[in-house]
Protein backbone atom coordinates (compact mmCIF):
# COMPACT_ATOMS: atom_id res chain seq x y z
CA MET A 1 12.31 -21.56 4.82
CA SER A 2 10.73 -22.80 1.60
CA LEU A 3 7.01 -23.03 0.84
CA SER A 4 5.82 -25.94 -1.28
CA LYS A 5 3.36 -25.43 -4.11
CA ASP A 6 0.59 -26.91 -1.98
CA SER A 7 1.27 -24.68 1.04
CA LYS A 8 -1.87 -22.81 2.10
CA ILE A 9 -1.23 -19.04 1.75
CA TYR A 10 -3.67 -16.51 3.17
CA VAL A 11 -3.60 -13.20 1.28
CA ALA A 12 -5.27 -10.53 3.43
CA GLY A 13 -6.54 -7.80 1.18
CA HIS A 14 -6.61 -10.03 -1.88
CA ARG A 15 -8.99 -7.74 -3.78
CA GLY A 16 -6.98 -4.60 -3.28
CA LEU A 17 -4.36 -3.01 -5.49
CA VAL A 18 -1.42 -5.02 -4.19
CA GLY A 19 -3.17 -8.04 -2.74
CA SER A 20 -4.88 -8.88 -6.04
CA ALA A 21 -1.56 -8.59 -7.89
CA ILE A 22 0.17 -10.81 -5.31
CA TRP A 23 -2.65 -13.35 -5.64
CA ASN A 24 -2.28 -13.45 -9.40
CA ASN A 25 1.55 -13.63 -9.19
CA LEU A 26 1.35 -16.61 -6.82
CA LYS A 27 -1.13 -18.33 -9.18
CA GLU A 28 1.21 -17.77 -12.13
CA ARG A 29 3.97 -19.45 -10.16
CA GLY A 30 1.81 -22.51 -9.47
CA TYR A 31 0.74 -21.69 -5.90
CA ASN A 32 -2.97 -22.51 -6.10
CA ASN A 33 -3.85 -23.25 -2.46
CA LEU A 34 -4.70 -19.62 -1.76
CA VAL A 35 -7.17 -18.25 0.77
CA GLY A 36 -8.83 -14.87 0.62
CA ARG A 37 -11.73 -13.12 2.37
CA SER A 38 -13.40 -9.86 1.39
CA HIS A 39 -14.01 -7.27 4.07
CA SER A 40 -17.69 -8.27 4.21
CA GLU A 41 -16.64 -11.91 4.83
CA LEU A 42 -13.96 -11.14 7.39
CA ASP A 43 -13.50 -7.89 9.27
CA LEU A 44 -9.81 -7.89 10.22
CA THR A 45 -10.44 -5.37 12.96
CA ASP A 46 -12.64 -7.94 14.74
CA GLN A 47 -10.34 -9.94 17.04
CA ASN A 48 -12.69 -12.87 17.51
CA ALA A 49 -13.49 -13.14 13.85
CA VAL A 50 -9.80 -13.23 12.91
CA LYS A 51 -9.12 -15.97 15.52
CA ASP A 52 -12.02 -18.01 14.18
CA PHE A 53 -10.66 -17.65 10.65
CA PHE A 54 -7.19 -18.85 11.66
CA ASP A 55 -8.69 -21.69 13.71
CA THR A 56 -10.59 -22.88 10.64
CA GLU A 57 -8.15 -22.26 7.77
CA LYS A 58 -4.77 -22.89 9.51
CA PRO A 59 -2.67 -21.20 6.80
CA ASP A 60 1.02 -22.05 6.34
CA ALA A 61 1.89 -18.52 5.27
CA VAL A 62 0.29 -15.10 5.43
CA VAL A 63 0.59 -12.01 3.22
CA LEU A 64 -0.79 -8.97 5.09
CA ALA A 65 -1.67 -6.60 2.31
CA ALA A 66 -4.89 -5.32 3.79
CA ALA A 67 -4.85 -1.73 5.02
CA PHE A 68 -6.96 1.42 5.49
CA VAL A 69 -5.36 3.77 2.91
CA GLY A 70 -5.85 7.09 1.15
CA GLY A 71 -4.17 10.26 -0.09
CA ILE A 72 -3.44 13.63 1.56
CA MET A 73 -7.08 14.65 1.83
CA ALA A 74 -8.20 11.33 3.38
CA ASN A 75 -5.21 11.29 5.76
CA SER A 76 -6.14 14.77 6.97
CA LEU A 77 -9.83 14.02 7.41
CA TYR A 78 -9.73 10.56 8.99
CA ARG A 79 -6.72 10.62 11.28
CA ALA A 80 -8.19 8.45 14.05
CA ASP A 81 -9.38 5.86 11.49
CA PHE A 82 -5.93 5.65 9.86
CA ILE A 83 -4.13 4.78 13.08
CA MET A 84 -6.79 2.68 14.75
CA GLN A 85 -8.04 0.63 11.82
CA ASN A 86 -4.54 -0.29 10.67
CA MET A 87 -3.31 -1.07 14.18
CA LYS A 88 -6.27 -3.35 14.84
CA MET A 89 -5.80 -5.28 11.60
CA GLN A 90 -2.07 -5.72 12.10
CA CYS A 91 -2.34 -6.79 15.72
CA ASN A 92 -5.07 -9.31 14.99
CA VAL A 93 -3.42 -10.89 11.97
CA ILE A 94 0.20 -10.98 13.31
CA SER A 95 -0.78 -12.24 16.77
CA ASN A 96 -2.94 -15.01 15.28
CA ALA A 97 -0.24 -15.90 12.80
CA TYR A 98 2.08 -16.52 15.74
CA SER A 99 -0.44 -18.38 17.94
CA HIS A 100 -1.36 -20.63 14.99
CA GLY A 101 2.21 -21.49 14.01
CA VAL A 102 2.31 -19.72 10.63
CA LYS A 103 5.68 -20.51 9.02
CA LYS A 104 6.13 -17.28 7.05
CA LEU A 105 4.47 -13.87 7.16
CA LEU A 106 4.95 -10.98 4.76
CA PHE A 107 3.85 -7.58 6.05
CA LEU A 108 3.34 -4.71 3.57
CA GLY A 109 3.94 -1.19 4.81
CA SER A 110 4.75 2.06 3.09
CA THR A 111 7.71 4.40 2.63
CA CYS A 112 5.75 7.11 4.42
CA ILE A 113 7.31 5.52 7.54
CA TYR A 114 10.41 7.61 6.96
CA PRO A 115 11.01 11.06 8.47
CA LYS A 116 9.85 14.10 6.55
CA ASN A 117 13.40 15.37 6.19
CA ALA A 118 15.22 12.03 5.84
CA PRO A 119 18.38 12.09 3.70
CA GLN A 120 17.63 11.11 0.10
CA PRO A 121 17.52 8.48 -1.19
CA MET A 122 16.12 6.99 2.03
CA LYS A 123 17.84 3.90 3.36
CA GLU A 124 16.17 1.53 5.75
CA ASP A 125 18.26 2.86 8.66
CA ALA A 126 16.61 6.32 8.30
CA LEU A 127 13.64 4.99 10.23
CA LEU A 128 12.84 6.86 13.50
CA THR A 129 15.70 9.32 13.12
CA SER A 130 13.53 12.51 13.03
CA PRO A 131 9.86 13.67 12.87
CA LEU A 132 7.38 12.29 10.36
CA GLU A 133 5.37 14.24 7.77
CA TYR A 134 2.38 15.57 9.70
CA THR A 135 -0.27 14.92 7.02
CA ASN A 136 0.17 11.15 7.13
CA GLU A 137 1.64 10.71 10.62
CA GLU A 138 -1.05 8.35 11.87
CA TYR A 139 -0.79 5.94 8.95
CA ALA A 140 3.02 6.01 9.20
CA ILE A 141 2.99 5.25 12.91
CA ALA A 142 0.66 2.31 12.33
CA LYS A 143 2.96 0.89 9.68
CA ILE A 144 6.04 1.45 11.81
CA ALA A 145 4.27 -0.49 14.58
CA GLY A 146 3.55 -3.30 12.07
CA LEU A 147 7.17 -3.67 10.96
CA LYS A 148 8.31 -3.52 14.57
CA MET A 149 5.86 -6.25 15.48
CA CYS A 150 7.42 -8.47 12.81
CA GLU A 151 10.94 -7.63 13.91
CA SER A 152 10.14 -8.11 17.61
CA TYR A 153 8.37 -11.46 17.12
CA ASN A 154 11.43 -12.64 15.15
CA LEU A 155 13.85 -11.51 17.86
CA GLN A 156 11.84 -12.92 20.77
CA TYR A 157 10.44 -16.11 19.28
CA GLY A 158 12.52 -16.89 16.19
CA THR A 159 9.64 -16.45 13.78
CA ASN A 160 10.14 -15.65 10.08
CA TYR A 161 8.13 -12.45 9.52
CA ILE A 162 9.40 -10.11 6.83
CA ALA A 163 8.28 -6.47 6.34
CA VAL A 164 8.48 -4.79 2.92
CA MET A 165 7.99 -1.08 2.44
CA PRO A 166 6.75 -0.19 -1.04
CA THR A 167 6.99 3.26 -2.53
CA ASN A 168 3.88 4.89 -4.13
CA LEU A 169 2.01 2.15 -6.01
CA TYR A 170 -0.32 2.24 -8.96
CA GLY A 171 -1.85 -0.35 -11.26
CA PRO A 172 -4.86 -2.63 -11.94
CA ASN A 173 -7.61 -2.47 -9.27
CA ASP A 174 -6.35 0.92 -8.10
CA ASN A 175 -8.74 3.10 -6.09
CA PHE A 176 -10.13 5.85 -8.27
CA HIS A 177 -12.71 7.24 -5.84
CA LEU A 178 -12.31 11.01 -5.62
CA GLU A 179 -12.68 11.13 -1.84
CA ASN A 180 -9.78 8.91 -0.81
CA SER A 181 -7.60 7.87 -3.76
CA HIS A 182 -3.87 8.28 -4.12
CA VAL A 183 -2.23 10.92 -6.28
CA MET A 184 -1.96 9.13 -9.62
CA PRO A 185 -5.46 7.57 -9.92
CA ALA A 186 -7.05 10.76 -8.52
CA MET A 187 -5.18 12.87 -11.05
CA MET A 188 -6.03 10.51 -13.90
CA ARG A 189 -9.75 10.41 -13.18
CA LYS A 190 -9.94 14.19 -12.70
CA ILE A 191 -8.22 14.85 -16.02
CA TYR A 192 -10.36 12.26 -17.79
CA LEU A 193 -13.60 13.74 -16.39
CA ALA A 194 -12.53 17.28 -17.30
CA LYS A 195 -12.01 16.08 -20.89
CA LEU A 196 -15.43 14.39 -20.95
CA ILE A 197 -17.11 17.59 -19.66
CA HIS A 198 -15.45 19.59 -22.41
CA ASP A 199 -16.44 16.99 -25.00
CA GLY A 200 -20.03 17.07 -23.71
CA ASP A 201 -19.94 13.27 -23.41
CA TRP A 202 -22.55 12.93 -20.72
CA MET A 203 -23.17 9.27 -21.39
CA ALA A 204 -19.50 8.58 -20.49
CA ILE A 205 -19.65 10.91 -17.43
CA GLU A 206 -22.83 9.25 -16.16
CA ASN A 207 -21.25 5.82 -16.68
CA ASP A 208 -18.11 6.88 -14.80
CA MET A 209 -20.12 8.27 -11.89
CA ASN A 210 -22.25 5.13 -11.69
CA LYS A 211 -19.17 2.96 -11.52
CA ARG A 212 -17.57 5.08 -8.77
CA PRO A 213 -20.17 7.37 -7.08
CA ILE A 214 -19.11 10.18 -4.77
CA ASN A 215 -19.99 9.73 -1.10
CA PRO A 216 -19.97 13.40 -0.06
CA ASP A 217 -18.42 14.53 3.22
CA GLU A 218 -19.96 17.27 5.33
CA LYS A 219 -18.31 20.11 3.36
CA LEU A 220 -19.68 18.81 0.03
CA LYS A 221 -23.08 18.07 1.55
CA ALA A 222 -23.28 21.77 2.46
CA ILE A 223 -22.98 22.53 -1.25
CA ILE A 224 -25.03 19.84 -2.94
CA GLY A 225 -27.16 18.41 -0.12
CA GLU A 226 -27.51 14.84 1.17
CA GLY A 227 -27.08 11.72 -0.92
CA ASN A 228 -24.40 10.07 -3.06
CA VAL A 229 -23.55 11.56 -6.44
CA ASP A 230 -23.93 9.13 -9.30
CA GLY A 231 -24.96 9.13 -12.95
CA ARG A 232 -28.64 9.43 -12.17
CA ASN A 233 -28.18 12.90 -10.66
CA SER A 234 -28.84 16.09 -12.56
CA HIS A 235 -25.97 17.43 -14.62
CA GLU A 236 -25.92 20.50 -12.42
CA ARG A 237 -25.47 18.48 -9.21
CA ILE A 238 -22.76 16.32 -10.82
CA LEU A 239 -20.85 19.40 -12.05
CA LYS A 240 -21.02 21.03 -8.60
CA ALA A 241 -19.67 17.90 -7.01
CA LEU A 242 -16.84 17.60 -9.54
CA GLU A 243 -15.93 21.26 -9.05
CA PHE A 244 -15.53 20.54 -5.36
CA TYR A 245 -12.71 18.18 -6.38
CA GLY A 246 -11.12 20.66 -8.81
CA ILE A 247 -12.69 19.25 -11.98
CA TYR A 248 -14.01 21.79 -14.53
CA ASP A 249 -14.73 22.07 -18.23
CA ASN A 250 -11.30 21.42 -19.79
CA LYS A 251 -9.51 22.40 -16.56
CA VAL A 252 -8.24 20.51 -13.51
CA VAL A 253 -6.96 22.06 -10.27
CA LEU A 254 -4.58 19.83 -8.32
CA TRP A 255 -3.40 20.27 -4.72
CA GLY A 256 0.01 21.79 -3.98
CA THR A 257 2.67 23.34 -6.16
CA GLY A 258 3.47 20.37 -8.38
CA LYS A 259 7.09 20.54 -7.22
CA PRO A 260 7.26 17.50 -4.89
CA LEU A 261 9.23 14.58 -6.23
CA ARG A 262 7.69 11.13 -6.11
CA GLU A 263 8.74 7.61 -6.93
CA PHE A 264 6.10 5.24 -8.41
CA LEU A 265 6.07 1.46 -8.68
CA TRP A 266 3.74 -0.57 -10.88
CA SER A 267 1.66 -2.79 -8.59
CA GLU A 268 2.43 -5.97 -10.53
CA ASP A 269 6.13 -5.22 -10.06
CA MET A 270 5.43 -4.80 -6.33
CA ALA A 271 3.64 -8.15 -6.32
CA ASP A 272 6.56 -9.84 -7.99
CA ALA A 273 9.00 -8.36 -5.48
CA SER A 274 6.72 -9.41 -2.61
CA VAL A 275 6.42 -13.00 -3.83
CA HIS A 276 10.17 -13.11 -4.47
CA VAL A 277 10.76 -12.13 -0.83
CA LEU A 278 8.07 -14.50 0.48
CA LEU A 279 9.51 -17.49 -1.33
CA ASN A 280 13.25 -16.75 -1.26
CA VAL A 281 14.17 -14.43 1.65
CA ASP A 282 14.29 -15.37 5.33
CA PHE A 283 14.87 -13.13 8.35
CA LYS A 284 18.36 -14.59 8.78
CA ASP A 285 19.22 -13.45 5.22
CA ILE A 286 18.38 -9.87 6.12
CA ILE A 287 20.33 -9.67 9.36
CA GLY A 288 23.18 -11.80 8.08
CA ILE A 289 23.06 -14.58 10.65
CA GLU A 290 22.98 -17.94 8.91
CA LYS A 291 21.86 -20.10 11.80
CA TYR A 292 19.71 -17.43 13.40
CA SER A 293 16.72 -19.62 14.44
CA SER A 294 18.54 -22.75 15.58
CA VAL A 295 21.49 -21.12 17.35
CA PHE A 296 19.71 -18.26 19.10
CA PHE A 297 16.08 -19.17 19.53
CA GLY A 298 15.83 -22.88 20.18
CA ALA A 299 14.33 -24.01 16.86
CA LYS A 300 13.61 -27.68 16.83
CA ALA A 301 14.87 -30.19 14.28
CA ASP A 302 11.60 -30.07 12.32
CA GLY A 303 11.86 -26.26 11.96
CA ALA A 304 9.22 -25.51 14.61
CA VAL A 305 10.07 -22.81 17.12
CA ASP A 306 10.27 -23.52 20.85
CA ARG A 307 8.01 -20.66 22.05
CA ASN A 308 9.04 -21.20 25.67
CA ASN A 309 12.58 -20.27 24.75
CA SER A 310 12.92 -16.48 25.05
CA GLU A 311 16.69 -16.10 25.11
CA GLY A 312 16.50 -13.14 22.73
CA ARG A 313 13.96 -11.16 24.76
CA GLY A 314 15.04 -7.63 25.56
CA GLY A 315 18.26 -7.72 23.53
CA ALA A 316 19.72 -10.38 25.81
CA ILE A 317 22.23 -11.60 23.21
CA PRO A 318 25.04 -9.00 23.21
CA SER A 319 26.89 -10.81 20.42
CA LEU A 320 24.08 -9.85 18.02
CA GLY A 321 24.30 -6.14 18.90
CA GLU A 322 21.23 -3.96 18.21
CA ILE A 323 19.08 -5.52 15.48
CA ARG A 324 16.72 -3.05 13.86
CA ASN A 325 15.64 -1.74 10.47
CA CYS A 326 15.17 -5.27 9.17
CA HIS A 327 12.47 -4.20 6.69
CA ILE A 328 13.11 -3.99 2.93
CA ASN A 329 12.43 -0.98 0.72
CA VAL A 330 10.64 -1.84 -2.53
CA GLY A 331 10.69 0.66 -5.40
CA THR A 332 12.45 1.77 -8.59
CA GLY A 333 15.01 4.19 -7.16
CA LYS A 334 13.76 6.75 -9.72
CA GLU A 335 11.63 9.90 -9.27
CA LEU A 336 9.72 12.68 -11.07
CA THR A 337 7.81 15.78 -9.99
CA ILE A 338 4.04 15.77 -9.54
CA ARG A 339 3.85 18.27 -12.41
CA GLU A 340 5.85 15.92 -14.63
CA LEU A 341 3.51 13.11 -13.64
CA SER A 342 0.51 15.30 -14.62
CA GLU A 343 2.09 15.83 -18.03
CA LEU A 344 2.34 12.05 -18.53
CA VAL A 345 -1.28 11.61 -17.50
CA VAL A 346 -2.39 14.44 -19.79
CA LYS A 347 -0.65 12.74 -22.70
CA ALA A 348 -2.11 9.31 -21.90
CA VAL A 349 -5.65 10.70 -21.58
CA GLY A 350 -5.36 12.94 -24.62
CA PHE A 351 -6.37 16.00 -22.62
CA GLU A 352 -6.01 19.36 -24.33
CA GLY A 353 -7.11 21.55 -21.46
CA THR A 354 -5.15 23.11 -18.59
CA VAL A 355 -3.81 21.69 -15.34
CA GLU A 356 -3.42 24.19 -12.53
CA PHE A 357 -1.82 23.76 -9.13
CA ASP A 358 -3.34 25.32 -5.99
CA SER A 359 -0.30 26.31 -3.92
CA SER A 360 -2.56 27.16 -0.95
CA LYS A 361 -3.06 23.40 -0.45
CA PRO A 362 -0.39 21.20 1.17
CA ASP A 363 2.32 19.52 -0.86
CA GLY A 364 3.11 16.81 1.66
CA THR A 365 6.71 15.66 1.80
CA MET A 366 8.77 17.41 -0.91
CA ARG A 367 10.91 14.40 -1.79
CA LYS A 368 10.47 10.73 -1.01
CA LEU A 369 12.94 8.62 -2.94
CA ILE A 370 14.04 5.31 -1.46
CA ASP A 371 17.33 3.44 -1.61
CA VAL A 372 16.65 -0.01 -3.07
CA SER A 373 20.12 -1.44 -2.81
CA LYS A 374 19.03 -4.00 -0.13
CA LEU A 375 16.29 -5.24 -2.44
CA HIS A 376 18.68 -5.46 -5.41
CA SER A 377 21.15 -7.44 -3.23
CA LEU A 378 18.32 -9.92 -2.49
CA GLY A 379 17.90 -10.57 -6.19
CA TRP A 380 15.06 -8.37 -7.49
CA THR A 381 14.73 -5.25 -9.68
CA HIS A 382 11.69 -3.52 -11.22
CA LYS A 383 10.58 -3.94 -14.84
CA VAL A 384 7.90 -1.35 -15.66
CA GLU A 385 9.02 2.27 -16.14
CA ILE A 386 6.73 5.17 -15.29
CA ASP A 387 5.77 6.32 -18.81
CA GLU A 388 4.73 2.78 -19.78
CA GLY A 389 2.93 2.35 -16.47
CA VAL A 390 0.81 5.51 -16.80
CA ASN A 391 -0.44 4.33 -20.20
CA LYS A 392 -1.15 0.84 -18.83
CA LEU A 393 -3.12 2.30 -15.93
CA PHE A 394 -5.28 4.50 -18.14
CA GLU A 395 -6.05 1.51 -20.39
CA TRP A 396 -7.06 -0.51 -17.33
CA TYR A 397 -9.23 2.38 -16.07
CA LYS A 398 -11.10 2.66 -19.37
CA GLN A 399 -11.73 -1.09 -19.39
CA SER A 400 -13.05 -0.92 -15.81
CA LEU A 401 -15.82 1.42 -17.03
CA GLN A 402 -17.11 -1.08 -19.60
């Protein structure tokens, strides 16, 4: 199902790491009829607000890149938020996409959907074969529910909703807040601040803290008292707050052993893969049934779906067999240890201090490499390698402080 250049495309989460990159990628390809709303303009957890938005905008296609995200610490602290906020957003957007006749929907998940001990590299069919990693179980369950929603709507109603599961992402507009950022931006900011402390560059430290103040949780409040930590605070209070996150004079302490292996994908590569799938891949291409919609689900001549036709409900088409794992892994198929990543960050930042690993803290999953052969078969491969990407991210971070 092709989208014309004047198709109205709603990008949910258009200011985030991936959403902003997808927005820019679409623009570069000549798709200018784009719709975006910030969280303050549209709360995707508000069912009525989402319905009103779809009633008004009537998008032809939807990219669901909005999510409540964070690293190991955030996942551990905010377990209820991670499952509830993500489930609400997904349910509201996907259900309204269906009720408003959206032609194409792209749902973005995460490779944390796979079991903790899944065989490596992880193929799409590893989903739901054994228990998840406990530290991000709620987020993973929400994302599994999202991809199953897409799959189930397709099987019951003949819709064209595709789910892509990116590996660890990094890039422009990344989240560098110390409380809830992912491993690479958190590591990069910590190492940069440790260097600035050693250099005695308080003007740069204050500027950094003003750009991204710390909103202390209860544990940190017990140490430094109430109130955000920004560049206007005393040097003593700033240093105490930074020490809470493992940032010292010329030394950084990171969680875990440094041994876990991780795969990283530059966010602009992820955006390019997402737009490639949005524009060129249909559900029938993934499951290998050429006339999927028209033969099995009563699609009309104009491409619209007969929603009263529910032949496929409950697996009622034996000739299709069991259709599952229709999502697409998106990554590089390459990995490195967290310690090796820290060495790349140290080099990019020009840090001459020490990086220590606190083995009393959790590592998370020890290995999380994905198989990207399905993605390659659909015509896309990554471009930016990790060493280049780390340097690009640090350059972006420095520019964001200006």
